[in-house]
Amino acid sequence: MRLSKIIQLLECEVLIIKDEDPEIESVGAADLMSDVLAFGGPGMILVTGLNSPQCVRTASVVGAAAVVIIRKRNVPDTTIELAQELDMPLVHAKMSMYRACGILFREGLGDSLEEGKHLG
């Protein structure tokens, strides 16, 4: 599924986006970045309630395609600036993690851990 479709489905505010529209292969949802380091990998989209620059940095380390910050939280300028610097698409969906993941699951995106693509 393309990132543009996810933005539409989750009614996201676009904070940073590259010129391209990456293909998203799976979803990882976590607030603990150690979990993302354990299950994350290329082609995934990270859905997180964490709004600090660490979520963008961790997504970049694992090769994630994009980050969705969820809930009705303000996204600090430092997070947006790091996403720009790392060329990491960053969007904000003002809904719960449960709802965001449910929508993505309903649309056919799999769990990055269950997909087995990123297990060591």
Foldseek 3Di string as FASTA:
>chain_A
DWPVVLCVLLVKDWLAADPDTDAAQAEEEDADLVVCVQQPAARHEYEYCDQDLVVVVSCVVRNYQAYEHEAPDDRDPNNSVVCVVSVHTYIYGHDDPVVSVVSVVVVPHYHSRVVVPRHD
